[in-house]
C-alpha atoms as a PDB file:
ATOM      1  CA  MET A   1       0.189  -0.313  -0.114  1.00  0.00           C
ATOM      2  CA  GLN A   2       2.566   2.462   0.928  1.00  0.00           C
ATOM      3  CA  ALA A   3       4.434   1.871  -2.735  1.00  0.00           C
ATOM      4  CA  VAL A   4       0.638   2.941  -3.908  1.00  0.00           C
ATOM      5  CA  PHE A   5      -0.444   5.815  -1.502  1.00  0.00           C
ATOM      6  CA  GLY A   6       3.263   6.583  -0.653  1.00  0.00           C
ATOM      7  CA  GLU A   7       4.340   6.298   2.722  1.00  0.00           C
ATOM      8  CA  GLU A   8       3.422   9.495   4.089  1.00  0.00           C
ATOM      9  CA  GLY A   9      -0.577   8.491   2.625  1.00  0.00           C
ATOM     10  CA  VAL A  10      -0.961   5.394   4.442  1.00  0.00           C
ATOM     11  CA  GLN A  11      -0.647   4.565   8.099  1.00  0.00           C
ATOM     12  CA  PHE A  12      -0.659   0.890   9.617  1.00  0.00           C
ATOM     13  CA  ASN A  13      -2.189   1.228  12.935  1.00  0.00           C
ATOM     14  CA  CYS A  14      -0.634  -0.565  16.076  1.00  0.00           C
ATOM     15  CA  SER A  15       1.806  -2.105  13.665  1.00  0.00           C
ATOM     16  CA  SER A  16       4.441  -2.167  16.437  1.00  0.00           C
ATOM     17  CA  VAL A  17       2.417  -4.854  18.871  1.00  0.00           C
ATOM     18  CA  SER A  18       1.491  -8.218  18.595  1.00  0.00           C
ATOM     19  CA  ARG A  19      -1.513  -8.524  16.362  1.00  0.00           C
ATOM     20  CA  LEU A  20      -3.558 -11.220  13.944  1.00  0.00           C
ATOM     21  CA  PRO A  21      -1.133 -11.594  11.203  1.00  0.00           C
ATOM     22  CA  ASN A  22      -3.937 -11.126   8.355  1.00  0.00           C
ATOM     23  CA  THR A  23      -5.550  -8.555   9.732  1.00  0.00           C
ATOM     24  CA  SER A  24      -4.366  -4.040   9.220  1.00  0.00           C
ATOM     25  CA  SER A  25      -5.946  -1.174  10.504  1.00  0.00           C
ATOM     26  CA  VAL A  26      -5.039   1.352   7.704  1.00  0.00           C
ATOM     27  CA  SER A  27      -5.582   4.663   7.809  1.00  0.00           C
ATOM     28  CA  PHE A  28      -5.411   7.144   4.683  1.00  0.00           C
ATOM     29  CA  ILE A  29      -3.420  10.287   6.404  1.00  0.00           C
ATOM     30  CA  GLY A  30      -4.295  13.631   4.767  1.00  0.00           C
ATOM     31  CA  SER A  31      -7.380  12.052   3.431  1.00  0.00           C
ATOM     32  CA  ASP A  32      -9.956  13.886   5.303  1.00  0.00           C
ATOM     33  CA  LEU A  33     -12.213  11.151   4.595  1.00  0.00           C
ATOM     34  CA  ALA A  34     -14.100   8.604   6.988  1.00  0.00           C
ATOM     35  CA  GLY A  35     -13.396   5.123   6.736  1.00  0.00           C
ATOM     36  CA  HIS A  36     -16.904   4.045   5.928  1.00  0.00           C
ATOM     37  CA  VAL A  37     -17.244   6.725   3.520  1.00  0.00           C
ATOM     38  CA  ILE A  38     -14.137   5.027   1.179  1.00  0.00           C
ATOM     39  CA  LEU A  39     -15.829   1.584   2.119  1.00  0.00           C
ATOM     40  CA  SER A  40     -19.444   2.703   1.189  1.00  0.00           C
ATOM     41  CA  ASN A  41     -17.972   3.976  -2.399  1.00  0.00           C
ATOM     42  CA  CYS A  42     -15.429   0.783  -2.958  1.00  0.00           C
ATOM     43  CA  GLN A  43     -17.821  -1.466  -4.515  1.00  0.00           C
ATOM     44  CA  GLU A  44     -15.068  -4.079  -5.211  1.00  0.00           C
ATOM     45  CA  LEU A  45     -14.205  -4.574  -1.690  1.00  0.00           C
ATOM     46  CA  MET A  46     -15.515  -6.177   1.245  1.00  0.00           C
ATOM     47  CA  ALA A  47     -14.128  -4.632   4.553  1.00  0.00           C
ATOM     48  CA  SER A  48     -14.807  -2.925   7.513  1.00  0.00           C
ATOM     49  CA  VAL A  49     -14.009   0.325   9.585  1.00  0.00           C
ATOM     50  CA  GLY A  50     -13.432  -1.537  12.799  1.00  0.00           C
ATOM     51  CA  ALA A  51     -14.583  -4.729  14.912  1.00  0.00           C
ATOM     52  CA  ALA A  52     -18.001  -5.878  14.954  1.00  0.00           C
ATOM     53  CA  CYS A  53     -18.682  -4.862  18.265  1.00  0.00           C
ATOM     54  CA  HIS A  54     -18.561  -0.814  17.858  1.00  0.00           C
ATOM     55  CA  SER A  55     -20.455   1.606  16.015  1.00  0.00           C
ATOM     56  CA  GLN A  56     -19.782   1.588  12.278  1.00  0.00           C
ATOM     57  CA  ASN A  57     -19.641   5.042  11.783  1.00  0.00           C
ATOM     58  CA  LYS A  58     -16.965   6.654  14.399  1.00  0.00           C
ATOM     59  CA  PRO A  59     -13.743   5.916  15.292  1.00  0.00           C
ATOM     60  CA  SER A  60     -12.870   2.485  16.915  1.00  0.00           C
ATOM     61  CA  ASP A  61     -12.197   3.349  20.620  1.00  0.00           C
ATOM     62  CA  ILE A  62      -9.706   1.153  20.645  1.00  0.00           C
ATOM     63  CA  LEU A  63      -7.312   3.076  18.192  1.00  0.00           C
ATOM     64  CA  ILE A  64      -8.193   6.560  20.271  1.00  0.00           C
ATOM     65  CA  ALA A  65      -6.745   4.568  23.185  1.00  0.00           C
ATOM     66  CA  SER A  66      -3.853   3.114  21.675  1.00  0.00           C
ATOM     67  CA  GLY A  67      -2.611   6.832  20.658  1.00  0.00           C
ATOM     68  CA  VAL A  68      -3.933   7.190  17.129  1.00  0.00           C
ATOM     69  CA  PRO A  69      -4.918  10.715  16.590  1.00  0.00           C
ATOM     70  CA  LEU A  70      -8.982  11.333  16.024  1.00  0.00           C
ATOM     71  CA  ASN A  71      -8.654  12.693  12.472  1.00  0.00           C
ATOM     72  CA  VAL A  72      -6.494   9.475  11.630  1.00  0.00           C
ATOM     73  CA  ALA A  73      -8.604   6.939  13.494  1.00  0.00           C
ATOM     74  CA  ARG A  74     -11.606   8.530  11.445  1.00  0.00           C
ATOM     75  CA  SER A  75     -10.028   7.803   7.878  1.00  0.00           C
ATOM     76  CA  THR A  76      -9.174   3.821   9.079  1.00  0.00           C
ATOM     77  CA  VAL A  77     -10.213   0.782   7.236  1.00  0.00           C
ATOM     78  CA  ARG A  78      -9.720  -2.666   8.443  1.00  0.00           C
ATOM     79  CA  LEU A  79      -8.532  -5.031   6.098  1.00  0.00           C
ATOM     80  CA  SER A  80      -8.078  -9.025   6.516  1.00  0.00           C
ATOM     81  CA  VAL A  81      -6.445 -12.004   4.039  1.00  0.00           C
ATOM     82  CA  GLY A  82      -7.573 -15.550   4.135  1.00  0.00           C
ATOM     83  CA  ARG A  83      -5.769 -18.562   3.155  1.00  0.00           C
ATOM     84  CA  THR A  84      -7.094 -18.178  -0.031  1.00  0.00           C
ATOM     85  CA  THR A  85      -6.060 -14.586  -1.292  1.00  0.00           C
ATOM     86  CA  THR A  86      -3.672 -14.277  -4.003  1.00  0.00           C
ATOM     87  CA  LYS A  87      -1.005 -11.268  -4.376  1.00  0.00           C
ATOM     88  CA  ALA A  88      -3.257 -10.544  -7.225  1.00  0.00           C
ATOM     89  CA  ASP A  89      -6.119 -10.012  -5.162  1.00  0.00           C
ATOM     90  CA  VAL A  90      -3.934  -7.778  -2.304  1.00  0.00           C
ATOM     91  CA  ASP A  91      -3.219  -5.790  -5.945  1.00  0.00           C
ATOM     92  CA  MET A  92      -6.862  -5.439  -7.067  1.00  0.00           C
ATOM     93  CA  ALA A  93      -8.021  -4.269  -3.233  1.00  0.00           C
ATOM     94  CA  VAL A  94      -5.062  -1.784  -3.057  1.00  0.00           C
ATOM     95  CA  SER A  95      -5.922  -0.274  -6.489  1.00  0.00           C
ATOM     96  CA  ALA A  96      -9.695  -0.158  -5.871  1.00  0.00           C
ATOM     97  CA  LEU A  97      -8.671   1.791  -2.416  1.00  0.00           C
ATOM     98  CA  LYS A  98      -6.780   3.915  -4.330  1.00  0.00           C
ATOM     99  CA  LYS A  99      -9.598   4.915  -7.111  1.00  0.00           C
ATOM    100  CA  VAL A 100     -11.912   5.673  -4.857  1.00  0.00           C
ATOM    101  CA  VAL A 101      -9.910   7.747  -2.199  1.00  0.00           C
ATOM    102  CA  ASP A 102      -8.163   9.977  -5.532  1.00  0.00           C
ATOM    103  CA  GLN A 103     -12.026  10.311  -6.771  1.00  0.00           C
ATOM    104  CA  LEU A 104     -13.242  11.678  -3.056  1.00  0.00           C
ATOM    105  CA  ILE A 105     -10.808  13.721  -2.478  1.00  0.00           C
ATOM    106  CA  ALA A 106     -10.931  15.436  -5.801  1.00  0.00           C
ATOM    107  CA  ARG A 107     -14.906  15.685  -5.046  1.00  0.00           C
ATOM    108  CA  PRO A 108     -16.059  19.205  -4.722  1.00  0.00           C
ATOM    109  CA  LEU A 109     -17.229  19.540  -0.782  1.00  0.00           C
ATOM    110  CA  GLY A 110     -20.656  18.820  -0.542  1.00  0.00           C
ATOM    111  CA  ALA A 111     -21.106  16.972  -3.878  1.00  0.00           C
END
């Protein structure tokens, strides 16, 4: 993802601690977009903005408690892969996210 979005464009949250090896919490830096808005515009991808036990349209309390700033936590999506996930699947997901984020950033305010 960093190759596509740039190192300053994405943040992998809580990457320095033990976590599930197949799941990543990724924030889109500087986009001022909400994770649920990104995902609702990305038809090619099934993902979530956080754990099933939290409200879907607000930042994860876990991310906030982990020190992730509110504006960064707001733009977070949670991505998971499975045993059958291929590199091509991951590349497609990253490409789809990039396309949606770019479209949303370019969209006039209030559109």
